[in-house]
Amino acid sequence: MTLQLHQQQLQHLWNKKTYTNKNKHRSPIPDGILAFESLFSVQAFSTKKENTKEKTFALIVTKRLEDELFTYRDAIRDRHKKYKLNWGDIALTPYNPKVIVCDFDEKKLNSAPAALIKIFQATDNLLVDINRARRSGEFSHEAYQEYYHHEITHLRALIQRVTKICLSFHQKRKKIVAELSHE
């Protein structure tokens, strides 16, 4: 399945393999694909049929992740609405960004990974309108860079937090399983 974006930097945040660096150094920073797959993995443990400590732990972590993702998505949408109320006509200068297609495994699509995709879409919509507003004279290029940098920085931080929580879940889950097998 595909996710359609319009900002190249978002494409690189979604899948860092799309960005070829001259020195071929792999960035230790996680991308959206890793966060997407990590979210799916945690949620898969929360949907196991048998009731175990592992499943209970997965349910708690899934709830925490979903709460954070839903809150983040709602904040982007609220910020976008607020900005649009303060901006004038942002369609004054035509701007039709190129569509960039990003892939993801639809078999891994459940509530938490879907929320992450919606965050990317909401961020993309906001960045497109920020670009339109700048082109239509609503603010300077410097202000545009501040808006843009703010959104990208916060999305990158979210991806890092989500991936770290998921990694921590698996480490603690393995510890729980090991402790239970020694009993």
C-alpha atoms as a PDB file:
ATOM      1  CA  MET A   1       0.000   0.000   0.000  1.00  0.00           C
ATOM      2  CA  THR A   2       1.178   3.571  -0.432  1.00  0.00           C
ATOM      3  CA  LEU A   3       1.247   6.833   1.436  1.00  0.00           C
ATOM      4  CA  GLN A   4       1.210   9.980  -0.699  1.00  0.00           C
ATOM      5  CA  LEU A   5       3.272  12.905   0.503  1.00  0.00           C
ATOM      6  CA  HIS A   6       4.363  16.182  -1.074  1.00  0.00           C
ATOM      7  CA  GLN A   7       7.439  17.065   0.944  1.00  0.00           C
ATOM      8  CA  GLN A   8      10.743  15.394   0.141  1.00  0.00           C
ATOM      9  CA  GLN A   9      11.971  15.775   3.709  1.00  0.00           C
ATOM     10  CA  LEU A  10       8.918  13.861   4.929  1.00  0.00           C
ATOM     11  CA  GLN A  11       9.711  11.142   2.415  1.00  0.00           C
ATOM     12  CA  HIS A  12      13.186  10.879   3.931  1.00  0.00           C
ATOM     13  CA  LEU A  13      11.722  10.805   7.442  1.00  0.00           C
ATOM     14  CA  TRP A  14       9.388   8.013   6.372  1.00  0.00           C
ATOM     15  CA  ASN A  15      12.112   5.946   4.723  1.00  0.00           C
ATOM     16  CA  LYS A  16      15.690   7.066   5.178  1.00  0.00           C
ATOM     17  CA  LYS A  17      16.810   4.721   2.399  1.00  0.00           C
ATOM     18  CA  THR A  18      15.337   7.204  -0.109  1.00  0.00           C
ATOM     19  CA  TYR A  19      18.099   9.641   0.791  1.00  0.00           C
ATOM     20  CA  THR A  20      21.481   8.764  -0.603  1.00  0.00           C
ATOM     21  CA  ASN A  21      24.282  10.404   1.263  1.00  0.00           C
ATOM     22  CA  LYS A  22      27.695  10.850  -0.339  1.00  0.00           C
ATOM     23  CA  ASN A  23      29.528   9.202   2.543  1.00  0.00           C
ATOM     24  CA  LYS A  24      27.068   6.257   2.670  1.00  0.00           C
ATOM     25  CA  HIS A  25      26.937   6.574   6.474  1.00  0.00           C
ATOM     26  CA  ARG A  26      23.761   5.008   7.863  1.00  0.00           C
ATOM     27  CA  SER A  27      22.060   7.352  10.238  1.00  0.00           C
ATOM     28  CA  PRO A  28      21.299   5.900  13.675  1.00  0.00           C
ATOM     29  CA  ILE A  29      18.090   7.961  13.704  1.00  0.00           C
ATOM     30  CA  PRO A  30      15.025   5.736  13.175  1.00  0.00           C
ATOM     31  CA  ASP A  31      12.653   6.434  10.307  1.00  0.00           C
ATOM     32  CA  GLY A  32       8.880   6.165   9.910  1.00  0.00           C
ATOM     33  CA  ILE A  33       9.073   2.660   8.471  1.00  0.00           C
ATOM     34  CA  LEU A  34      10.902   1.388  11.557  1.00  0.00           C
ATOM     35  CA  ALA A  35       8.413   3.155  13.855  1.00  0.00           C
ATOM     36  CA  PHE A  36       5.493   1.753  11.793  1.00  0.00           C
ATOM     37  CA  GLU A  37       6.809  -1.810  12.003  1.00  0.00           C
ATOM     38  CA  SER A  38       7.694  -1.415  15.682  1.00  0.00           C
ATOM     39  CA  LEU A  39       4.184  -0.205  16.489  1.00  0.00           C
ATOM     40  CA  PHE A  40       2.742  -3.178  14.643  1.00  0.00           C
ATOM     41  CA  SER A  41       5.003  -5.553  16.540  1.00  0.00           C
ATOM     42  CA  VAL A  42       3.941  -4.249  19.960  1.00  0.00           C
ATOM     43  CA  GLN A  43       0.293  -4.256  18.969  1.00  0.00           C
ATOM     44  CA  ALA A  44       0.599  -7.822  17.658  1.00  0.00           C
ATOM     45  CA  PHE A  45       1.610  -8.982  21.142  1.00  0.00           C
ATOM     46  CA  SER A  46      -1.411  -7.184  22.604  1.00  0.00           C
ATOM     47  CA  THR A  47      -3.806  -9.169  20.419  1.00  0.00           C
ATOM     48  CA  LYS A  48      -2.597 -12.669  21.322  1.00  0.00           C
ATOM     49  CA  LYS A  49      -5.401 -15.012  22.310  1.00  0.00           C
ATOM     50  CA  GLU A  50      -3.954 -16.287  25.571  1.00  0.00           C
ATOM     51  CA  ASN A  51      -3.930 -13.981  28.580  1.00  0.00           C
ATOM     52  CA  THR A  52      -0.360 -13.702  29.787  1.00  0.00           C
ATOM     53  CA  LYS A  53       1.796 -11.120  31.542  1.00  0.00           C
ATOM     54  CA  GLU A  54       3.358 -10.505  28.152  1.00  0.00           C
ATOM     55  CA  LYS A  55      -0.026  -9.661  26.622  1.00  0.00           C
ATOM     56  CA  THR A  56      -1.015  -7.464  29.568  1.00  0.00           C
ATOM     57  CA  PHE A  57       2.259  -5.572  29.275  1.00  0.00           C
ATOM     58  CA  ALA A  58       1.716  -5.187  25.507  1.00  0.00           C
ATOM     59  CA  LEU A  59      -1.793  -3.810  26.105  1.00  0.00           C
ATOM     60  CA  ILE A  60      -0.430  -1.194  28.524  1.00  0.00           C
ATOM     61  CA  VAL A  61       2.339  -0.145  26.129  1.00  0.00           C
ATOM     62  CA  THR A  62      -0.036  -0.083  23.144  1.00  0.00           C
ATOM     63  CA  LYS A  63      -2.430   2.180  25.056  1.00  0.00           C
ATOM     64  CA  ARG A  64       0.427   4.541  25.958  1.00  0.00           C
ATOM     65  CA  LEU A  65       1.648   4.636  22.341  1.00  0.00           C
ATOM     66  CA  GLU A  66      -1.818   5.194  20.913  1.00  0.00           C
ATOM     67  CA  ASP A  67      -2.514   7.988  23.394  1.00  0.00           C
ATOM     68  CA  GLU A  68       0.710   9.719  22.401  1.00  0.00           C
ATOM     69  CA  LEU A  69       0.056   9.275  18.673  1.00  0.00           C
ATOM     70  CA  PHE A  70      -3.569  10.467  18.862  1.00  0.00           C
ATOM     71  CA  THR A  71      -2.578  13.484  20.961  1.00  0.00           C
ATOM     72  CA  TYR A  72       0.200  14.385  18.529  1.00  0.00           C
ATOM     73  CA  ARG A  73      -2.112  14.018  15.496  1.00  0.00           C
ATOM     74  CA  ASP A  74      -4.796  16.180  17.114  1.00  0.00           C
ATOM     75  CA  ALA A  75      -2.197  18.842  17.996  1.00  0.00           C
ATOM     76  CA  ILE A  76      -1.057  19.033  14.363  1.00  0.00           C
ATOM     77  CA  ARG A  77      -4.637  19.376  13.145  1.00  0.00           C
ATOM     78  CA  ASP A  78      -5.370  22.071  15.762  1.00  0.00           C
ATOM     79  CA  ARG A  79      -2.184  23.968  14.880  1.00  0.00           C
ATOM     80  CA  HIS A  80      -3.076  23.794  11.195  1.00  0.00           C
ATOM     81  CA  LYS A  81      -6.576  25.194  11.838  1.00  0.00           C
ATOM     82  CA  LYS A  82      -5.128  27.986  13.998  1.00  0.00           C
ATOM     83  CA  TYR A  83      -2.567  28.942  11.367  1.00  0.00           C
ATOM     84  CA  LYS A  84      -5.176  29.001   8.594  1.00  0.00           C
ATOM     85  CA  LEU A  85      -7.370  31.330  10.666  1.00  0.00           C
ATOM     86  CA  ASN A  86      -4.445  33.765  11.002  1.00  0.00           C
ATOM     87  CA  TRP A  87      -3.322  33.588   7.386  1.00  0.00           C
ATOM     88  CA  GLY A  88      -5.036  35.436   4.601  1.00  0.00           C
ATOM     89  CA  ASP A  89      -5.541  34.027   1.114  1.00  0.00           C
ATOM     90  CA  ILE A  90      -2.915  31.327   0.722  1.00  0.00           C
ATOM     91  CA  ALA A  91      -4.116  30.361  -2.754  1.00  0.00           C
ATOM     92  CA  LEU A  92      -3.014  33.694  -4.243  1.00  0.00           C
ATOM     93  CA  THR A  93       0.074  32.163  -5.802  1.00  0.00           C
ATOM     94  CA  PRO A  94      -0.500  28.746  -7.394  1.00  0.00           C
ATOM     95  CA  TYR A  95       1.443  25.928  -5.786  1.00  0.00           C
ATOM     96  CA  ASN A  96       0.941  22.342  -6.891  1.00  0.00           C
ATOM     97  CA  PRO A  97       3.575  20.171  -5.242  1.00  0.00           C
ATOM     98  CA  LYS A  98       4.689  16.919  -6.793  1.00  0.00           C
ATOM     99  CA  VAL A  99       3.239  13.760  -5.261  1.00  0.00           C
ATOM    100  CA  ILE A 100       5.805  11.482  -3.643  1.00  0.00           C
ATOM    101  CA  VAL A 101       4.724   7.887  -3.097  1.00  0.00           C
ATOM    102  CA  CYS A 102       5.937   6.073   0.016  1.00  0.00           C
ATOM    103  CA  ASP A 103       5.287   2.383   0.542  1.00  0.00           C
ATOM    104  CA  PHE A 104       4.228   0.451   3.623  1.00  0.00           C
ATOM    105  CA  ASP A 105       3.044  -3.080   4.312  1.00  0.00           C
ATOM    106  CA  GLU A 106      -0.753  -3.009   4.493  1.00  0.00           C
ATOM    107  CA  LYS A 107      -0.733  -6.328   6.392  1.00  0.00           C
ATOM    108  CA  LYS A 108       0.822  -4.420   9.307  1.00  0.00           C
ATOM    109  CA  LEU A 109      -1.878  -1.781   9.324  1.00  0.00           C
ATOM    110  CA  ASN A 110      -3.756  -1.582  12.607  1.00  0.00           C
ATOM    111  CA  SER A 111      -4.681   1.340  14.868  1.00  0.00           C
ATOM    112  CA  ALA A 112      -1.247   2.489  16.071  1.00  0.00           C
ATOM    113  CA  PRO A 113       0.565   2.222  12.711  1.00  0.00           C
ATOM    114  CA  ALA A 114      -2.445   3.853  11.017  1.00  0.00           C
ATOM    115  CA  ALA A 115      -2.218   6.741  13.482  1.00  0.00           C
ATOM    116  CA  LEU A 116       1.435   7.208  12.520  1.00  0.00           C
ATOM    117  CA  ILE A 117       0.489   7.345   8.847  1.00  0.00           C
ATOM    118  CA  LYS A 118      -2.211   9.912   9.628  1.00  0.00           C
ATOM    119  CA  ILE A 119       0.410  11.972  11.469  1.00  0.00           C
ATOM    120  CA  PHE A 120       2.588  11.971   8.360  1.00  0.00           C
ATOM    121  CA  GLN A 121      -0.426  12.973   6.240  1.00  0.00           C
ATOM    122  CA  ALA A 122      -1.446  15.753   8.644  1.00  0.00           C
ATOM    123  CA  THR A 123       2.127  17.047   8.791  1.00  0.00           C
ATOM    124  CA  ASP A 124       2.333  16.939   4.997  1.00  0.00           C
ATOM    125  CA  ASN A 125      -0.940  18.886   4.661  1.00  0.00           C
ATOM    126  CA  LEU A 126       0.337  21.485   7.106  1.00  0.00           C
ATOM    127  CA  LEU A 127       3.707  21.833   5.358  1.00  0.00           C
ATOM    128  CA  VAL A 128       2.015  22.223   1.968  1.00  0.00           C
ATOM    129  CA  ASP A 129      -0.132  25.045   3.380  1.00  0.00           C
ATOM    130  CA  ILE A 130       2.903  26.638   5.057  1.00  0.00           C
ATOM    131  CA  ASN A 131       4.571  26.640   1.656  1.00  0.00           C
ATOM    132  CA  ARG A 132       1.433  28.105   0.024  1.00  0.00           C
ATOM    133  CA  ALA A 133       1.242  30.814   2.693  1.00  0.00           C
ATOM    134  CA  ARG A 134       4.881  31.787   2.164  1.00  0.00           C
ATOM    135  CA  ARG A 135       4.443  31.921  -1.620  1.00  0.00           C
ATOM    136  CA  SER A 136       1.313  34.058  -1.171  1.00  0.00           C
ATOM    137  CA  GLY A 137       3.119  36.637   0.962  1.00  0.00           C
ATOM    138  CA  GLU A 138       1.802  35.704   4.407  1.00  0.00           C
ATOM    139  CA  PHE A 139       5.266  35.662   5.990  1.00  0.00           C
ATOM    140  CA  SER A 140       8.962  35.843   5.202  1.00  0.00           C
ATOM    141  CA  HIS A 141      11.224  33.034   4.093  1.00  0.00           C
ATOM    142  CA  GLU A 142      12.822  33.056   7.555  1.00  0.00           C
ATOM    143  CA  ALA A 143       9.424  32.589   9.219  1.00  0.00           C
ATOM    144  CA  TYR A 144       8.665  29.826   6.713  1.00  0.00           C
ATOM    145  CA  GLN A 145      11.879  28.050   7.705  1.00  0.00           C
ATOM    146  CA  GLU A 146      10.938  28.338  11.388  1.00  0.00           C
ATOM    147  CA  TYR A 147       7.480  26.835  10.792  1.00  0.00           C
ATOM    148  CA  TYR A 148       8.907  24.073   8.612  1.00  0.00           C
ATOM    149  CA  HIS A 149      11.802  23.256  10.936  1.00  0.00           C
ATOM    150  CA  HIS A 150       9.451  23.149  13.941  1.00  0.00           C
ATOM    151  CA  GLU A 151       7.199  20.547  12.314  1.00  0.00           C
ATOM    152  CA  ILE A 152      10.043  18.362  11.026  1.00  0.00           C
ATOM    153  CA  THR A 153      11.912  18.487  14.345  1.00  0.00           C
ATOM    154  CA  HIS A 154       8.837  17.489  16.340  1.00  0.00           C
ATOM    155  CA  LEU A 155       7.945  14.667  13.950  1.00  0.00           C
ATOM    156  CA  ARG A 156      11.513  13.343  14.095  1.00  0.00           C
ATOM    157  CA  ALA A 157      11.364  13.439  17.911  1.00  0.00           C
ATOM    158  CA  LEU A 158       8.044  11.558  17.881  1.00  0.00           C
ATOM    159  CA  ILE A 159       9.503   8.836  15.647  1.00  0.00           C
ATOM    160  CA  GLN A 160      12.466   8.503  17.982  1.00  0.00           C
ATOM    161  CA  ARG A 161      10.253   8.309  21.095  1.00  0.00           C
ATOM    162  CA  VAL A 162       7.911   5.738  19.566  1.00  0.00           C
ATOM    163  CA  THR A 163      10.764   3.567  18.335  1.00  0.00           C
ATOM    164  CA  LYS A 164      12.525   3.782  21.702  1.00  0.00           C
ATOM    165  CA  ILE A 165       9.343   2.802  23.583  1.00  0.00           C
ATOM    166  CA  CYS A 166       8.816  -0.164  21.242  1.00  0.00           C
ATOM    167  CA  LEU A 167      12.431  -1.308  21.594  1.00  0.00           C
ATOM    168  CA  SER A 168      12.184  -0.988  25.367  1.00  0.00           C
ATOM    169  CA  PHE A 169       8.940  -2.996  25.291  1.00  0.00           C
ATOM    170  CA  HIS A 170      10.652  -5.898  23.524  1.00  0.00           C
ATOM    171  CA  GLN A 171      13.625  -5.845  25.871  1.00  0.00           C
ATOM    172  CA  LYS A 172      11.371  -5.885  28.930  1.00  0.00           C
ATOM    173  CA  ARG A 173       9.045  -8.461  27.346  1.00  0.00           C
ATOM    174  CA  LYS A 174      11.968 -10.828  26.795  1.00  0.00           C
ATOM    175  CA  LYS A 175      13.031 -10.305  30.405  1.00  0.00           C
ATOM    176  CA  ILE A 176       9.493 -11.133  31.615  1.00  0.00           C
ATOM    177  CA  VAL A 177       9.406 -14.285  29.488  1.00  0.00           C
ATOM    178  CA  ALA A 178      12.861 -15.336  30.739  1.00  0.00           C
ATOM    179  CA  GLU A 179      11.822 -14.799  34.373  1.00  0.00           C
ATOM    180  CA  LEU A 180       8.624 -16.791  33.878  1.00  0.00           C
ATOM    181  CA  SER A 181      10.484 -19.676  32.254  1.00  0.00           C
ATOM    182  CA  HIS A 182      12.770 -19.956  35.319  1.00  0.00           C
ATOM    183  CA  GLU A 183       9.834 -20.282  37.721  1.00  0.00           C
END
